[in-house]
Amino acid sequence: MKEKTADGQDLSYITVELTDNNSIRNPKADDLVSFEVEGRGTIAGVGNANPVNLESFQQSQRKAWHGRCLVVVKSDTVAGKIVLKASSKGLPSMKLEIESN
């Protein structure tokens, strides 16, 4: 579990990699990854480093590029647990817990 400050300003940069059963990233993967935050945080932005991508950075989803994408989670001003969930059609979902104090 990662720890952050509950000041409404602290950011967590989380890279999501699309991997096979051996945890090897698929560099050709461009699946759409959807993000959801529960608890004391919000999604501040998403990205994928693709220089020609015109999608908004202020969505709760992003297509992977070279098998990766990024979500930025911002802490709330109230301490507590932040739970980030990532899902993509046909792939197992992922959950990450962040504690803000």
C-alpha atoms as a PDB file:
ATOM      1  CA  MET A   1       0.000   0.000   0.000  1.00  0.00           C
ATOM      2  CA  LYS A   2       1.365   3.414  -0.973  1.00  0.00           C
ATOM      3  CA  GLU A   3       1.000   6.431   1.354  1.00  0.00           C
ATOM      4  CA  LYS A   4       0.108   9.982   0.333  1.00  0.00           C
ATOM      5  CA  THR A   5      -0.706  13.233   2.117  1.00  0.00           C
ATOM      6  CA  ALA A   6      -4.394  14.134   2.430  1.00  0.00           C
ATOM      7  CA  ASP A   7      -3.925  17.736   1.300  1.00  0.00           C
ATOM      8  CA  GLY A   8      -5.945  17.747  -1.945  1.00  0.00           C
ATOM      9  CA  GLN A   9      -2.689  18.285  -3.868  1.00  0.00           C
ATOM     10  CA  ASP A  10      -0.652  15.063  -3.570  1.00  0.00           C
ATOM     11  CA  LEU A  11      -0.540  13.039  -6.804  1.00  0.00           C
ATOM     12  CA  SER A  12       0.131   9.367  -7.517  1.00  0.00           C
ATOM     13  CA  TYR A  13       1.350   8.504 -11.037  1.00  0.00           C
ATOM     14  CA  ILE A  14       0.393   4.907 -11.792  1.00  0.00           C
ATOM     15  CA  THR A  15       1.577   3.111 -14.929  1.00  0.00           C
ATOM     16  CA  VAL A  16      -0.612   0.287 -16.188  1.00  0.00           C
ATOM     17  CA  GLU A  17       1.013  -2.385 -18.350  1.00  0.00           C
ATOM     18  CA  LEU A  18      -0.895  -4.916 -20.442  1.00  0.00           C
ATOM     19  CA  THR A  19       0.947  -8.203 -19.975  1.00  0.00           C
ATOM     20  CA  ASP A  20       0.619 -11.862 -20.862  1.00  0.00           C
ATOM     21  CA  ASN A  21       0.402 -14.765 -18.389  1.00  0.00           C
ATOM     22  CA  ASN A  22       4.184 -14.541 -17.862  1.00  0.00           C
ATOM     23  CA  SER A  23       3.994 -10.821 -16.913  1.00  0.00           C
ATOM     24  CA  ILE A  24       5.642  -9.793 -20.192  1.00  0.00           C
ATOM     25  CA  ARG A  25       4.288  -6.512 -21.591  1.00  0.00           C
ATOM     26  CA  ASN A  26       2.658  -6.739 -25.012  1.00  0.00           C
ATOM     27  CA  PRO A  27       4.173  -3.818 -26.994  1.00  0.00           C
ATOM     28  CA  LYS A  28       1.397  -4.090 -29.621  1.00  0.00           C
ATOM     29  CA  ALA A  29      -1.469  -3.826 -27.118  1.00  0.00           C
ATOM     30  CA  ASP A  30      -3.724  -0.798 -27.568  1.00  0.00           C
ATOM     31  CA  ASP A  31      -6.714  -1.891 -25.461  1.00  0.00           C
ATOM     32  CA  LEU A  32      -8.982   0.686 -23.857  1.00  0.00           C
ATOM     33  CA  VAL A  33      -8.393   0.740 -20.080  1.00  0.00           C
ATOM     34  CA  SER A  34     -11.132   2.165 -17.834  1.00  0.00           C
ATOM     35  CA  PHE A  35     -10.334   3.580 -14.399  1.00  0.00           C
ATOM     36  CA  GLU A  36     -12.490   4.034 -11.323  1.00  0.00           C
ATOM     37  CA  VAL A  37     -11.547   5.558  -7.967  1.00  0.00           C
ATOM     38  CA  GLU A  38     -13.330   4.850  -4.693  1.00  0.00           C
ATOM     39  CA  GLY A  39     -12.658   6.513  -1.378  1.00  0.00           C
ATOM     40  CA  ARG A  40     -10.629   9.656  -0.685  1.00  0.00           C
ATOM     41  CA  GLY A  41      -9.279  10.511  -4.147  1.00  0.00           C
ATOM     42  CA  THR A  42     -10.105  11.456  -7.724  1.00  0.00           C
ATOM     43  CA  ILE A  43      -8.675  10.897 -11.178  1.00  0.00           C
ATOM     44  CA  ALA A  44      -6.602  13.961 -12.064  1.00  0.00           C
ATOM     45  CA  GLY A  45      -5.694  12.761 -15.559  1.00  0.00           C
ATOM     46  CA  VAL A  46      -4.792   9.928 -17.898  1.00  0.00           C
ATOM     47  CA  GLY A  47      -2.181   9.522 -20.626  1.00  0.00           C
ATOM     48  CA  ASN A  48      -0.317   7.078 -22.817  1.00  0.00           C
ATOM     49  CA  ALA A  49       2.708   8.971 -24.278  1.00  0.00           C
ATOM     50  CA  ASN A  50       1.401   8.619 -27.844  1.00  0.00           C
ATOM     51  CA  PRO A  51       2.458  11.920 -29.485  1.00  0.00           C
ATOM     52  CA  VAL A  52      -0.402  11.856 -32.024  1.00  0.00           C
ATOM     53  CA  ASN A  53      -3.187  10.929 -29.587  1.00  0.00           C
ATOM     54  CA  LEU A  54      -5.887  13.604 -29.420  1.00  0.00           C
ATOM     55  CA  GLU A  55      -7.984  12.101 -26.603  1.00  0.00           C
ATOM     56  CA  SER A  56      -8.714  14.276 -23.577  1.00  0.00           C
ATOM     57  CA  PHE A  57      -6.442  13.858 -20.571  1.00  0.00           C
ATOM     58  CA  GLN A  58      -9.432  14.445 -18.287  1.00  0.00           C
ATOM     59  CA  GLN A  59     -11.313  11.198 -18.882  1.00  0.00           C
ATOM     60  CA  SER A  60     -11.598   8.065 -16.791  1.00  0.00           C
ATOM     61  CA  GLN A  61     -10.277   5.877 -19.611  1.00  0.00           C
ATOM     62  CA  ARG A  62      -7.346   5.716 -22.017  1.00  0.00           C
ATOM     63  CA  LYS A  63      -6.197   3.440 -24.815  1.00  0.00           C
ATOM     64  CA  ALA A  64      -2.840   1.830 -24.150  1.00  0.00           C
ATOM     65  CA  TRP A  65       0.083   2.633 -26.439  1.00  0.00           C
ATOM     66  CA  HIS A  66       2.882   0.092 -26.758  1.00  0.00           C
ATOM     67  CA  GLY A  67       1.103  -1.833 -24.000  1.00  0.00           C
ATOM     68  CA  ARG A  68       1.124   1.004 -21.443  1.00  0.00           C
ATOM     69  CA  CYS A  69      -1.001   3.843 -20.169  1.00  0.00           C
ATOM     70  CA  LEU A  70      -0.946   6.130 -17.141  1.00  0.00           C
ATOM     71  CA  VAL A  71      -3.488   7.332 -14.608  1.00  0.00           C
ATOM     72  CA  VAL A  72      -2.857  10.172 -12.151  1.00  0.00           C
ATOM     73  CA  VAL A  73      -4.771   9.999  -8.861  1.00  0.00           C
ATOM     74  CA  LYS A  74      -5.117  13.064  -6.627  1.00  0.00           C
ATOM     75  CA  SER A  75      -5.646  12.803  -2.871  1.00  0.00           C
ATOM     76  CA  ASP A  76      -8.644  14.351  -1.133  1.00  0.00           C
ATOM     77  CA  THR A  77      -8.375  16.797   1.780  1.00  0.00           C
ATOM     78  CA  VAL A  78      -9.718  14.115   4.133  1.00  0.00           C
ATOM     79  CA  ALA A  79      -7.477  11.210   5.152  1.00  0.00           C
ATOM     80  CA  GLY A  80      -8.489   7.697   4.194  1.00  0.00           C
ATOM     81  CA  LYS A  81      -8.100   4.874   1.727  1.00  0.00           C
ATOM     82  CA  ILE A  82      -8.071   5.474  -2.055  1.00  0.00           C
ATOM     83  CA  VAL A  83      -8.884   2.434  -4.186  1.00  0.00           C
ATOM     84  CA  LEU A  84      -8.012   2.554  -7.889  1.00  0.00           C
ATOM     85  CA  LYS A  85      -9.612  -0.045 -10.165  1.00  0.00           C
ATOM     86  CA  ALA A  86      -8.491  -0.601 -13.763  1.00  0.00           C
ATOM     87  CA  SER A  87     -10.328  -2.812 -16.235  1.00  0.00           C
ATOM     88  CA  SER A  88     -10.175  -3.667 -19.906  1.00  0.00           C
ATOM     89  CA  LYS A  89     -12.484  -5.905 -21.916  1.00  0.00           C
ATOM     90  CA  GLY A  90     -11.167  -9.474 -22.046  1.00  0.00           C
ATOM     91  CA  LEU A  91      -8.424  -8.876 -19.472  1.00  0.00           C
ATOM     92  CA  PRO A  92      -8.365  -9.396 -15.692  1.00  0.00           C
ATOM     93  CA  SER A  93      -9.090  -6.241 -13.726  1.00  0.00           C
ATOM     94  CA  MET A  94      -6.633  -4.717 -11.266  1.00  0.00           C
ATOM     95  CA  LYS A  95      -7.019  -2.964  -7.915  1.00  0.00           C
ATOM     96  CA  LEU A  96      -4.489  -0.766  -6.087  1.00  0.00           C
ATOM     97  CA  GLU A  97      -4.901   0.733  -2.617  1.00  0.00           C
ATOM     98  CA  ILE A  98      -3.344   4.055  -1.619  1.00  0.00           C
ATOM     99  CA  GLU A  99      -3.512   5.398   1.940  1.00  0.00           C
ATOM    100  CA  SER A 100      -3.688   9.159   2.489  1.00  0.00           C
ATOM    101  CA  ASN A 101      -3.002  10.620   5.936  1.00  0.00           C
END
